[in-house]
N, C-alpha and C. Protein backbone atom coordinates (compact mmCIF):
# COMPACT_ATOMS: atom_id res chain seq x y z
N UNK A 1 175.80 -162.65 -65.49
CA UNK A 1 176.73 -162.98 -64.44
C UNK A 1 178.04 -163.47 -65.04
N UNK A 2 179.14 -163.08 -64.43
CA UNK A 2 180.44 -163.54 -64.89
C UNK A 2 180.85 -164.79 -64.10
N UNK A 3 181.49 -165.73 -64.78
CA UNK A 3 181.88 -166.99 -64.14
C UNK A 3 182.84 -166.76 -62.97
N UNK A 4 183.65 -165.71 -63.04
CA UNK A 4 184.60 -165.46 -61.97
C UNK A 4 183.90 -165.15 -60.64
N UNK A 5 182.63 -164.77 -60.68
CA UNK A 5 181.89 -164.50 -59.45
C UNK A 5 181.71 -165.77 -58.62
N UNK A 6 181.58 -166.91 -59.30
CA UNK A 6 181.45 -168.19 -58.59
C UNK A 6 182.75 -168.49 -57.86
N UNK A 7 183.89 -168.35 -58.56
CA UNK A 7 185.18 -168.58 -57.93
C UNK A 7 185.37 -167.64 -56.75
N UNK A 8 185.04 -166.38 -56.93
CA UNK A 8 185.20 -165.40 -55.85
C UNK A 8 184.29 -165.74 -54.66
N UNK A 9 183.06 -166.15 -54.93
CA UNK A 9 182.14 -166.50 -53.84
C UNK A 9 182.64 -167.71 -53.08
N UNK A 10 183.18 -168.71 -53.78
CA UNK A 10 183.74 -169.89 -53.10
C UNK A 10 184.93 -169.50 -52.23
N UNK A 11 185.79 -168.64 -52.75
CA UNK A 11 186.95 -168.19 -51.98
C UNK A 11 186.52 -167.36 -50.78
N UNK A 12 185.52 -166.49 -50.96
CA UNK A 12 185.03 -165.67 -49.86
C UNK A 12 184.39 -166.54 -48.77
N UNK A 13 183.67 -167.57 -49.19
CA UNK A 13 183.04 -168.47 -48.22
C UNK A 13 184.11 -169.22 -47.44
N UNK A 14 185.15 -169.68 -48.11
CA UNK A 14 186.24 -170.39 -47.43
C UNK A 14 186.98 -169.46 -46.47
N UNK A 15 187.21 -168.24 -46.88
CA UNK A 15 187.88 -167.27 -46.00
C UNK A 15 187.03 -167.01 -44.76
N UNK A 16 185.72 -166.81 -44.95
CA UNK A 16 184.83 -166.55 -43.82
C UNK A 16 184.78 -167.74 -42.88
N UNK A 17 184.78 -168.95 -43.43
CA UNK A 17 184.78 -170.17 -42.61
C UNK A 17 186.04 -170.24 -41.75
N UNK A 18 187.19 -169.98 -42.37
CA UNK A 18 188.45 -170.03 -41.63
C UNK A 18 188.50 -168.95 -40.55
N UNK A 19 188.03 -167.76 -40.87
CA UNK A 19 188.05 -166.67 -39.89
C UNK A 19 187.15 -166.99 -38.70
N UNK A 20 186.03 -167.63 -38.94
CA UNK A 20 185.11 -167.99 -37.88
C UNK A 20 185.72 -169.05 -36.95
N UNK A 21 186.37 -170.05 -37.53
CA UNK A 21 186.93 -171.16 -36.75
C UNK A 21 188.28 -170.84 -36.11
N UNK A 22 189.03 -169.94 -36.71
CA UNK A 22 190.40 -169.68 -36.28
C UNK A 22 190.56 -169.45 -34.78
N UNK A 23 189.79 -168.56 -34.14
CA UNK A 23 190.02 -168.35 -32.70
C UNK A 23 189.74 -169.59 -31.85
N UNK A 24 188.79 -170.39 -32.24
CA UNK A 24 188.47 -171.61 -31.49
C UNK A 24 189.62 -172.62 -31.57
N UNK A 25 190.16 -172.79 -32.78
CA UNK A 25 191.24 -173.74 -32.96
C UNK A 25 192.54 -173.23 -32.35
N UNK A 26 192.80 -171.94 -32.46
CA UNK A 26 193.99 -171.37 -31.82
C UNK A 26 193.93 -171.57 -30.31
N UNK A 27 192.73 -171.44 -29.74
CA UNK A 27 192.55 -171.65 -28.31
C UNK A 27 192.89 -173.09 -27.91
N UNK A 28 192.71 -174.03 -28.85
CA UNK A 28 193.06 -175.43 -28.61
C UNK A 28 194.54 -175.70 -28.91
N UNK A 29 195.24 -174.68 -29.41
CA UNK A 29 196.65 -174.85 -29.77
C UNK A 29 196.85 -175.47 -31.13
N UNK A 30 195.83 -175.38 -32.00
CA UNK A 30 195.88 -175.98 -33.33
C UNK A 30 196.08 -174.91 -34.39
N UNK A 31 196.71 -175.30 -35.49
CA UNK A 31 196.90 -174.41 -36.62
C UNK A 31 195.95 -174.82 -37.72
N UNK A 32 195.05 -173.93 -38.08
CA UNK A 32 194.01 -174.23 -39.04
C UNK A 32 194.56 -174.52 -40.44
N UNK A 33 195.50 -173.74 -40.90
CA UNK A 33 196.00 -173.87 -42.26
C UNK A 33 196.78 -175.14 -42.54
N UNK A 34 197.21 -175.84 -41.50
CA UNK A 34 197.98 -177.06 -41.69
C UNK A 34 197.12 -178.32 -41.64
N UNK A 35 195.83 -178.17 -41.49
CA UNK A 35 194.95 -179.33 -41.49
C UNK A 35 194.86 -180.06 -40.17
N UNK A 36 195.41 -179.49 -39.10
CA UNK A 36 195.41 -180.18 -37.82
C UNK A 36 193.99 -180.50 -37.33
N UNK A 37 193.05 -179.55 -37.37
CA UNK A 37 191.68 -179.89 -36.93
C UNK A 37 191.06 -181.01 -37.77
N UNK A 38 191.28 -180.96 -39.08
CA UNK A 38 190.73 -181.98 -39.97
C UNK A 38 191.29 -183.36 -39.63
N UNK A 39 192.58 -183.43 -39.33
CA UNK A 39 193.22 -184.70 -38.97
C UNK A 39 192.63 -185.23 -37.66
N UNK A 40 192.52 -184.36 -36.66
CA UNK A 40 191.97 -184.80 -35.38
C UNK A 40 190.53 -185.27 -35.53
N UNK A 41 189.72 -184.52 -36.29
CA UNK A 41 188.33 -184.93 -36.51
C UNK A 41 188.26 -186.27 -37.22
N UNK A 42 189.10 -186.47 -38.21
CA UNK A 42 189.10 -187.72 -38.97
C UNK A 42 189.47 -188.90 -38.09
N UNK A 43 190.48 -188.73 -37.25
CA UNK A 43 190.87 -189.81 -36.33
C UNK A 43 189.79 -190.06 -35.28
N UNK A 44 189.17 -189.01 -34.79
CA UNK A 44 188.10 -189.16 -33.79
C UNK A 44 186.92 -189.91 -34.40
N UNK A 45 186.60 -189.60 -35.63
CA UNK A 45 185.45 -190.19 -36.30
C UNK A 45 185.71 -191.62 -36.77
N UNK A 46 186.92 -191.89 -37.26
CA UNK A 46 187.22 -193.16 -37.91
C UNK A 46 188.12 -194.09 -37.11
N UNK A 47 188.73 -193.60 -36.05
CA UNK A 47 189.65 -194.43 -35.28
C UNK A 47 191.04 -194.43 -35.90
N UNK A 48 191.93 -195.24 -35.35
CA UNK A 48 193.31 -195.27 -35.82
C UNK A 48 193.38 -195.80 -37.25
N UNK A 49 194.41 -195.33 -37.95
CA UNK A 49 194.61 -195.72 -39.35
C UNK A 49 196.04 -195.42 -39.76
N UNK A 50 196.41 -195.89 -40.93
CA UNK A 50 197.75 -195.62 -41.44
C UNK A 50 197.83 -194.17 -41.92
N UNK A 51 199.06 -193.71 -42.05
CA UNK A 51 199.28 -192.34 -42.53
C UNK A 51 198.71 -192.16 -43.93
N UNK A 52 198.86 -193.17 -44.78
CA UNK A 52 198.34 -193.09 -46.15
C UNK A 52 196.82 -192.98 -46.16
N UNK A 53 196.16 -193.80 -45.33
CA UNK A 53 194.69 -193.74 -45.24
C UNK A 53 194.24 -192.37 -44.74
N UNK A 54 194.94 -191.86 -43.74
CA UNK A 54 194.61 -190.56 -43.18
C UNK A 54 194.80 -189.46 -44.21
N UNK A 55 195.91 -189.50 -44.94
CA UNK A 55 196.17 -188.51 -45.98
C UNK A 55 195.07 -188.53 -47.04
N UNK A 56 194.66 -189.72 -47.43
CA UNK A 56 193.60 -189.83 -48.44
C UNK A 56 192.28 -189.26 -47.94
N UNK A 57 191.90 -189.61 -46.70
CA UNK A 57 190.63 -189.10 -46.16
C UNK A 57 190.65 -187.59 -45.94
N UNK A 58 191.82 -187.06 -45.61
CA UNK A 58 191.95 -185.61 -45.36
C UNK A 58 192.28 -184.84 -46.63
N UNK A 59 192.47 -185.55 -47.73
CA UNK A 59 192.82 -184.94 -49.01
C UNK A 59 194.08 -184.10 -48.89
N UNK A 60 195.10 -184.71 -48.30
CA UNK A 60 196.40 -184.05 -48.12
C UNK A 60 197.48 -184.91 -48.75
N UNK A 61 198.55 -184.26 -49.24
CA UNK A 61 199.65 -185.07 -49.75
C UNK A 61 200.45 -185.61 -48.57
N UNK A 62 201.13 -186.71 -48.80
CA UNK A 62 201.79 -187.45 -47.72
C UNK A 62 202.88 -186.62 -47.05
N UNK A 63 203.59 -185.79 -47.81
CA UNK A 63 204.67 -184.98 -47.24
C UNK A 63 204.11 -183.97 -46.24
N UNK A 64 203.07 -183.24 -46.63
CA UNK A 64 202.45 -182.28 -45.71
C UNK A 64 201.85 -183.00 -44.52
N UNK A 65 201.26 -184.16 -44.77
CA UNK A 65 200.67 -184.95 -43.69
C UNK A 65 201.75 -185.33 -42.68
N UNK A 66 202.89 -185.76 -43.16
CA UNK A 66 203.96 -186.18 -42.28
C UNK A 66 204.42 -185.04 -41.38
N UNK A 67 204.61 -183.86 -41.94
CA UNK A 67 205.04 -182.70 -41.15
C UNK A 67 203.99 -182.31 -40.11
N UNK A 68 202.73 -182.35 -40.52
CA UNK A 68 201.66 -181.99 -39.60
C UNK A 68 201.54 -183.02 -38.49
N UNK A 69 201.70 -184.30 -38.82
CA UNK A 69 201.66 -185.34 -37.79
C UNK A 69 202.83 -185.18 -36.82
N UNK A 70 203.99 -184.76 -37.32
CA UNK A 70 205.12 -184.50 -36.42
C UNK A 70 204.74 -183.46 -35.37
N UNK A 71 204.09 -182.38 -35.80
CA UNK A 71 203.68 -181.33 -34.86
C UNK A 71 202.63 -181.83 -33.88
N UNK A 72 201.67 -182.59 -34.39
CA UNK A 72 200.64 -183.13 -33.49
C UNK A 72 201.24 -184.10 -32.48
N UNK A 73 202.22 -184.87 -32.92
CA UNK A 73 202.89 -185.81 -32.01
C UNK A 73 203.71 -185.04 -30.96
N UNK A 74 204.42 -183.99 -31.39
CA UNK A 74 205.18 -183.17 -30.45
C UNK A 74 204.29 -182.54 -29.39
N UNK A 75 203.05 -182.23 -29.77
CA UNK A 75 202.10 -181.62 -28.84
C UNK A 75 201.32 -182.66 -28.02
N UNK A 76 201.64 -183.93 -28.21
CA UNK A 76 201.03 -184.98 -27.41
C UNK A 76 199.60 -185.33 -27.81
N UNK A 77 199.22 -185.03 -29.05
CA UNK A 77 197.84 -185.28 -29.49
C UNK A 77 197.67 -186.59 -30.24
N UNK A 78 198.75 -187.07 -30.85
CA UNK A 78 198.70 -188.35 -31.56
C UNK A 78 199.92 -189.18 -31.18
N UNK A 79 199.84 -190.45 -31.49
CA UNK A 79 201.02 -191.32 -31.36
C UNK A 79 201.07 -192.23 -32.57
N UNK A 80 202.27 -192.59 -32.93
CA UNK A 80 202.50 -193.49 -34.05
C UNK A 80 202.99 -194.82 -33.50
N UNK A 81 202.52 -195.88 -34.12
CA UNK A 81 202.99 -197.21 -33.75
C UNK A 81 203.07 -198.05 -35.01
N UNK A 82 203.90 -199.06 -34.98
CA UNK A 82 204.05 -199.95 -36.13
C UNK A 82 203.15 -201.16 -35.96
N UNK A 83 202.27 -201.41 -36.94
CA UNK A 83 201.48 -202.65 -36.88
C UNK A 83 202.42 -203.86 -37.00
N UNK A 84 202.07 -204.93 -36.33
CA UNK A 84 202.92 -206.12 -36.33
C UNK A 84 203.12 -206.70 -37.72
N UNK A 85 202.12 -206.59 -38.55
CA UNK A 85 202.18 -207.24 -39.87
C UNK A 85 202.75 -206.33 -40.97
N UNK A 86 203.18 -205.10 -40.61
CA UNK A 86 203.68 -204.19 -41.64
C UNK A 86 204.83 -203.36 -41.09
N UNK A 87 205.98 -203.47 -41.72
CA UNK A 87 207.14 -202.70 -41.26
C UNK A 87 207.27 -201.37 -41.98
N UNK A 88 206.45 -201.13 -43.00
CA UNK A 88 206.63 -199.94 -43.82
C UNK A 88 205.75 -198.77 -43.41
N UNK A 89 204.66 -199.00 -42.70
CA UNK A 89 203.75 -197.90 -42.39
C UNK A 89 203.50 -197.79 -40.89
N UNK A 90 203.13 -196.60 -40.49
CA UNK A 90 202.80 -196.33 -39.09
C UNK A 90 201.29 -196.29 -38.92
N UNK A 91 200.85 -196.72 -37.78
CA UNK A 91 199.46 -196.58 -37.40
C UNK A 91 199.35 -195.30 -36.58
N UNK A 92 198.43 -194.42 -36.95
CA UNK A 92 198.26 -193.14 -36.28
C UNK A 92 197.02 -193.24 -35.40
N UNK A 93 197.17 -192.84 -34.14
CA UNK A 93 196.02 -192.85 -33.24
C UNK A 93 196.10 -191.66 -32.29
N UNK A 94 194.94 -191.28 -31.79
CA UNK A 94 194.85 -190.17 -30.85
C UNK A 94 195.32 -190.61 -29.46
N UNK A 95 195.97 -189.70 -28.77
CA UNK A 95 196.29 -189.91 -27.36
C UNK A 95 195.06 -189.49 -26.54
N UNK A 96 195.14 -189.63 -25.25
CA UNK A 96 194.03 -189.19 -24.39
C UNK A 96 193.77 -187.69 -24.58
N UNK A 97 194.84 -186.89 -24.58
CA UNK A 97 194.71 -185.45 -24.82
C UNK A 97 194.16 -185.19 -26.21
N UNK A 98 194.62 -185.98 -27.19
CA UNK A 98 194.13 -185.85 -28.56
C UNK A 98 192.64 -186.11 -28.66
N UNK A 99 192.16 -187.13 -27.94
CA UNK A 99 190.72 -187.43 -27.93
C UNK A 99 189.93 -186.25 -27.36
N UNK A 100 190.46 -185.66 -26.30
CA UNK A 100 189.78 -184.53 -25.67
C UNK A 100 189.68 -183.35 -26.64
N UNK A 101 190.79 -183.00 -27.26
CA UNK A 101 190.78 -181.87 -28.19
C UNK A 101 190.00 -182.19 -29.47
N UNK A 102 190.09 -183.42 -29.93
CA UNK A 102 189.35 -183.82 -31.13
C UNK A 102 187.85 -183.74 -30.88
N UNK A 103 187.41 -184.06 -29.67
CA UNK A 103 185.99 -183.93 -29.34
C UNK A 103 185.52 -182.49 -29.47
N UNK A 104 186.35 -181.55 -29.04
CA UNK A 104 186.02 -180.13 -29.18
C UNK A 104 186.01 -179.72 -30.64
N UNK A 105 186.95 -180.25 -31.43
CA UNK A 105 187.00 -179.97 -32.86
C UNK A 105 185.71 -180.44 -33.53
N UNK A 106 185.29 -181.66 -33.21
CA UNK A 106 184.05 -182.20 -33.78
C UNK A 106 182.87 -181.30 -33.42
N UNK A 107 182.82 -180.85 -32.17
CA UNK A 107 181.76 -179.95 -31.73
C UNK A 107 181.78 -178.65 -32.52
N UNK A 108 182.97 -178.06 -32.72
CA UNK A 108 183.07 -176.81 -33.49
C UNK A 108 182.60 -177.01 -34.92
N UNK A 109 182.97 -178.14 -35.53
CA UNK A 109 182.53 -178.40 -36.90
C UNK A 109 181.01 -178.60 -36.96
N UNK A 110 180.42 -179.23 -35.95
CA UNK A 110 178.96 -179.40 -35.93
C UNK A 110 178.27 -178.05 -35.79
N UNK A 111 178.82 -177.19 -34.95
CA UNK A 111 178.26 -175.85 -34.80
C UNK A 111 178.39 -175.05 -36.10
N UNK A 112 179.53 -175.23 -36.79
CA UNK A 112 179.72 -174.59 -38.08
C UNK A 112 178.69 -175.08 -39.09
N UNK A 113 178.45 -176.40 -39.11
CA UNK A 113 177.46 -176.97 -40.02
C UNK A 113 176.09 -176.32 -39.82
N UNK A 114 175.71 -176.14 -38.56
CA UNK A 114 174.42 -175.49 -38.26
C UNK A 114 174.39 -174.06 -38.79
N UNK A 115 175.46 -173.35 -38.58
CA UNK A 115 175.54 -171.95 -39.03
C UNK A 115 175.52 -171.88 -40.57
N UNK A 116 176.25 -172.78 -41.23
CA UNK A 116 176.30 -172.79 -42.69
C UNK A 116 174.92 -173.03 -43.31
N UNK A 117 174.13 -173.85 -42.66
CA UNK A 117 172.85 -174.28 -43.24
C UNK A 117 171.66 -173.43 -42.79
N UNK A 118 171.92 -172.47 -41.93
CA UNK A 118 170.84 -171.63 -41.41
C UNK A 118 170.11 -170.93 -42.56
N UNK A 119 168.80 -171.03 -42.56
CA UNK A 119 167.98 -170.35 -43.56
C UNK A 119 167.77 -171.11 -44.86
N UNK A 120 168.38 -172.28 -44.98
CA UNK A 120 168.19 -173.11 -46.18
C UNK A 120 167.17 -174.20 -45.90
N UNK A 121 166.34 -174.47 -46.88
CA UNK A 121 165.44 -175.62 -46.76
C UNK A 121 166.24 -176.89 -47.06
N UNK A 122 165.68 -178.03 -46.71
CA UNK A 122 166.34 -179.31 -47.00
C UNK A 122 166.60 -179.45 -48.50
N UNK A 123 165.63 -179.06 -49.30
CA UNK A 123 165.77 -179.15 -50.76
C UNK A 123 166.89 -178.24 -51.26
N UNK A 124 166.99 -177.04 -50.73
CA UNK A 124 168.05 -176.11 -51.13
C UNK A 124 169.42 -176.65 -50.76
N UNK A 125 169.53 -177.25 -49.57
CA UNK A 125 170.81 -177.82 -49.15
C UNK A 125 171.21 -178.97 -50.07
N UNK A 126 170.26 -179.81 -50.43
CA UNK A 126 170.55 -180.93 -51.32
C UNK A 126 170.99 -180.42 -52.69
N UNK A 127 170.33 -179.38 -53.19
CA UNK A 127 170.68 -178.81 -54.48
C UNK A 127 172.07 -178.17 -54.42
N UNK A 128 172.35 -177.43 -53.38
CA UNK A 128 173.67 -176.81 -53.22
C UNK A 128 174.75 -177.88 -53.17
N UNK A 129 174.51 -178.94 -52.43
CA UNK A 129 175.48 -180.03 -52.34
C UNK A 129 175.74 -180.64 -53.71
N UNK A 130 174.70 -180.85 -54.48
CA UNK A 130 174.88 -181.41 -55.83
C UNK A 130 175.73 -180.46 -56.69
N UNK A 131 175.50 -179.17 -56.60
CA UNK A 131 176.28 -178.20 -57.36
C UNK A 131 177.75 -178.21 -56.93
N UNK A 132 177.97 -178.23 -55.63
CA UNK A 132 179.35 -178.24 -55.13
C UNK A 132 180.06 -179.53 -55.52
N UNK A 133 179.36 -180.66 -55.46
CA UNK A 133 179.96 -181.93 -55.88
C UNK A 133 180.32 -181.89 -57.36
N UNK A 134 179.52 -181.23 -58.17
CA UNK A 134 179.82 -181.10 -59.59
C UNK A 134 181.06 -180.23 -59.79
N UNK A 135 181.19 -179.17 -59.01
CA UNK A 135 182.39 -178.32 -59.08
C UNK A 135 183.62 -179.14 -58.71
N UNK A 136 183.53 -179.92 -57.65
CA UNK A 136 184.66 -180.75 -57.22
C UNK A 136 185.02 -181.75 -58.31
N UNK A 137 184.02 -182.36 -58.91
CA UNK A 137 184.26 -183.31 -59.99
C UNK A 137 184.94 -182.61 -61.17
N UNK A 138 184.51 -181.39 -61.47
CA UNK A 138 185.13 -180.65 -62.57
C UNK A 138 186.60 -180.35 -62.29
N UNK A 139 186.95 -180.15 -61.03
CA UNK A 139 188.31 -179.77 -60.66
C UNK A 139 189.24 -180.96 -60.44
N UNK A 140 188.70 -182.08 -60.00
CA UNK A 140 189.53 -183.23 -59.65
C UNK A 140 190.21 -183.85 -60.86
N UNK A 141 191.52 -184.01 -60.74
CA UNK A 141 192.28 -184.79 -61.69
C UNK A 141 192.48 -184.19 -63.06
N UNK A 142 192.20 -182.94 -63.24
CA UNK A 142 192.39 -182.34 -64.56
C UNK A 142 193.31 -181.13 -64.46
N UNK A 143 194.06 -180.92 -65.52
CA UNK A 143 194.88 -179.71 -65.61
C UNK A 143 194.00 -178.54 -66.03
N UNK A 144 194.52 -177.34 -65.82
CA UNK A 144 193.81 -176.15 -66.30
C UNK A 144 193.88 -176.17 -67.80
């Protein structure tokens, strides 16, 4: 087996995942490639937080996060407010409409999880997760 087959399989899996979710998220008015569903899910799961905390949890750089939050705010899904004790950062929280759409996003991700794991035993899923975590560890923080 050639090592490039692993890279290709990971890319193919990511492409298939995006293609599966794309129509559902477009129907909600969300753009998949900008991380909007991930942001909504993170806020729904964790509650309000600063932009920096949100960027870290979503694994996004702050600049891209800021632009994406602008779009979500324009669409009435999030709101920004300044905490009383901090003048430098904004607190990001879901609006009522944001909570509604984020609930659907969470549901779509749960349905995706079921589809991803179909046909795997618990032991196989645990082993796959360990392998993927090792790949992530190999990639994090290092140059090529």
